[in-house]
Amino acid sequence: MHQNIGLQLSRAPRLWRAVIDHRLAPLGLTQTRWITLYTLWRLGDGQPQCDLARAIGVEAPSLVRTLDQLADQGLIERQSCDQDRRTKRVFLTEAASPLLEQIDTVVTQARGEMLAGLGDEEVAQLAEMLSRIEENGLAIQARESSD
């Protein structure tokens, strides 16, 4: 029974993103772009690029190309940080607002459908358990990278 949990933990996010990707495809958004925009929107404007990359779960250099594309589309702006000129902060533009509303609608609807049949308490328990699994994984990574 427990042997399959790793597979389930890897399949669930792929299915989740695939449903949302399919629904956002008509807007011309790749997974990388919508996740970047949505994460920035949720975290709030002015995030340092490295913090945004960490929140998304990618390396900072990997995020640069996506940010370049979003900037070319007029959806974000990058500005140097006053305290550290090497640090770039990312801001959403007004042009991103209607797109973010559409993304949020799609994500909210997909979340409701994917969590269908689960009560509020079960969803809260699931969120708590996933947080603990993430914390355990981060602790393992920290331990193993210091070896």
Protein backbone atom coordinates (compact mmCIF):
# COMPACT_ATOMS: atom_id res chain seq x y z
CA MET A 1 0.00 0.00 0.00
CA HIS A 2 2.70 2.51 0.99
CA GLN A 3 4.91 1.43 -1.92
CA ASN A 4 2.78 3.42 -4.38
CA ILE A 5 2.67 6.68 -2.42
CA GLY A 6 5.78 8.05 -4.14
CA LEU A 7 4.22 7.42 -7.54
CA GLN A 8 0.98 9.04 -6.41
CA LEU A 9 2.86 12.06 -5.09
CA SER A 10 4.59 12.49 -8.44
CA ARG A 11 1.48 11.81 -10.58
CA ALA A 12 -0.94 14.14 -8.77
CA PRO A 13 0.89 17.41 -9.54
CA ARG A 14 1.44 16.33 -13.16
CA LEU A 15 -2.28 15.66 -13.57
CA TRP A 16 -3.14 18.92 -11.80
CA ARG A 17 -0.88 20.95 -14.12
CA ALA A 18 -2.02 19.03 -17.23
CA VAL A 19 -5.68 19.92 -16.56
CA ILE A 20 -4.83 23.58 -16.03
CA ASP A 21 -2.41 23.65 -18.99
CA HIS A 22 -5.10 22.28 -21.28
CA ARG A 23 -7.57 24.93 -20.13
CA LEU A 24 -5.06 27.78 -20.41
CA ALA A 25 -3.75 26.73 -23.83
CA PRO A 26 -6.29 28.93 -25.68
CA LEU A 27 -4.73 31.94 -23.91
CA GLY A 28 -1.36 31.05 -25.41
CA LEU A 29 0.23 30.40 -22.03
CA THR A 30 2.85 27.74 -21.49
CA GLN A 31 2.98 26.02 -18.13
CA THR A 32 6.15 27.87 -17.19
CA ARG A 33 4.64 31.27 -17.99
CA TRP A 34 1.31 30.83 -16.23
CA ILE A 35 2.94 29.34 -13.14
CA THR A 36 5.41 32.23 -13.00
CA LEU A 37 2.69 34.87 -13.39
CA TYR A 38 0.34 33.17 -10.94
CA THR A 39 3.05 32.66 -8.33
CA LEU A 40 4.18 36.28 -8.58
CA TRP A 41 0.56 37.42 -8.26
CA ARG A 42 0.05 35.26 -5.17
CA LEU A 43 3.34 36.32 -3.54
CA GLY A 44 2.92 40.00 -4.36
CA ASP A 45 4.75 42.49 -6.54
CA GLY A 46 8.41 43.27 -6.13
CA GLN A 47 9.64 39.74 -5.45
CA PRO A 48 13.38 39.22 -5.95
CA GLN A 49 13.97 36.90 -8.90
CA CYS A 50 15.74 34.36 -6.68
CA ASP A 51 12.79 34.22 -4.24
CA LEU A 52 10.35 33.82 -7.12
CA ALA A 53 12.46 30.98 -8.55
CA ARG A 54 12.54 29.28 -5.14
CA ALA A 55 8.76 29.59 -4.76
CA ILE A 56 8.22 28.04 -8.19
CA GLY A 57 10.80 25.32 -7.54
CA VAL A 58 13.31 26.15 -10.27
CA GLU A 59 16.86 27.45 -10.32
CA ALA A 60 17.15 31.23 -10.73
CA PRO A 61 18.99 31.02 -14.10
CA SER A 62 16.19 28.81 -15.47
CA LEU A 63 13.65 31.49 -14.64
CA VAL A 64 15.48 34.25 -16.54
CA ARG A 65 14.32 33.10 -20.00
CA THR A 66 10.69 32.92 -18.87
CA LEU A 67 10.93 36.38 -17.32
CA ASP A 68 12.45 37.70 -20.56
CA GLN A 69 9.48 36.29 -22.49
CA LEU A 70 6.94 37.71 -20.04
CA ALA A 71 8.67 41.09 -20.19
CA ASP A 72 8.59 40.98 -24.01
CA GLN A 73 4.84 40.33 -23.76
CA GLY A 74 4.50 43.37 -21.50
CA LEU A 75 3.24 41.30 -18.56
CA ILE A 76 6.09 41.95 -16.11
CA GLU A 77 8.82 44.48 -15.46
CA ARG A 78 12.13 43.92 -13.71
CA GLN A 79 13.77 46.63 -11.66
CA SER A 80 17.06 46.77 -9.81
CA CYS A 81 16.83 46.61 -6.06
CA ASP A 82 17.83 49.82 -4.27
CA GLN A 83 19.81 47.95 -1.61
CA ASP A 84 21.58 45.59 -4.03
CA ARG A 85 21.86 46.47 -7.71
CA ARG A 86 22.63 42.83 -8.58
CA THR A 87 19.20 41.80 -7.35
CA LYS A 88 16.28 42.24 -9.74
CA ARG A 89 12.76 42.59 -8.43
CA VAL A 90 9.82 41.44 -10.55
CA PHE A 91 6.61 43.44 -10.90
CA LEU A 92 3.38 42.67 -12.74
CA THR A 93 2.15 45.23 -15.24
CA GLU A 94 -1.42 46.42 -15.65
CA ALA A 95 -1.59 44.35 -18.85
CA ALA A 96 -1.23 41.21 -16.73
CA SER A 97 -4.36 41.88 -14.62
CA PRO A 98 -7.04 40.57 -17.01
CA LEU A 99 -4.89 37.55 -17.84
CA LEU A 100 -4.34 36.80 -14.14
CA GLU A 101 -8.08 36.95 -13.52
CA GLN A 102 -8.58 34.35 -16.25
CA ILE A 103 -5.79 32.18 -14.84
CA ASP A 104 -7.29 32.44 -11.35
CA THR A 105 -10.73 31.43 -12.64
CA VAL A 106 -9.28 28.38 -14.40
CA VAL A 107 -7.15 27.38 -11.41
CA THR A 108 -10.04 27.82 -8.96
CA GLN A 109 -12.39 25.77 -11.11
CA ALA A 110 -9.81 23.02 -11.67
CA ARG A 111 -9.03 22.92 -7.94
CA GLY A 112 -12.71 22.45 -7.16
CA GLU A 113 -13.00 19.64 -9.67
CA MET A 114 -9.76 17.92 -8.62
CA LEU A 115 -10.76 18.05 -4.95
CA ALA A 116 -14.33 16.94 -5.62
CA GLY A 117 -15.62 14.54 -3.00
CA LEU A 118 -13.28 15.85 -0.30
CA GLY A 119 -14.68 17.85 2.58
CA ASP A 120 -13.10 21.02 3.94
CA GLU A 121 -11.57 19.12 6.84
CA GLU A 122 -10.07 16.52 4.52
CA VAL A 123 -8.59 19.23 2.28
CA ALA A 124 -7.08 20.92 5.36
CA GLN A 125 -5.61 17.58 6.49
CA LEU A 126 -4.21 16.95 3.01
CA ALA A 127 -2.60 20.40 2.96
CA GLU A 128 -1.06 19.77 6.39
CA MET A 129 0.26 16.36 5.36
CA LEU A 130 1.75 17.72 2.14
CA SER A 131 3.43 20.52 4.11
CA ARG A 132 5.00 17.95 6.44
CA ILE A 133 6.19 15.86 3.48
CA GLU A 134 7.74 18.98 1.92
CA GLU A 135 9.44 19.92 5.20
CA ASN A 136 10.82 16.39 5.54
CA GLY A 137 12.10 16.50 1.97
CA LEU A 138 13.77 19.87 2.51
CA ALA A 139 15.41 18.59 5.70
CA ILE A 140 16.71 15.52 3.84
CA GLN A 141 18.07 17.72 1.04
CA ALA A 142 19.81 20.03 3.51
CA ARG A 143 21.33 17.08 5.34
CA GLU A 144 22.51 15.36 2.19
CA SER A 145 23.91 18.49 0.58
CA SER A 146 26.03 19.18 3.67
CA ASP A 147 27.60 15.69 3.56
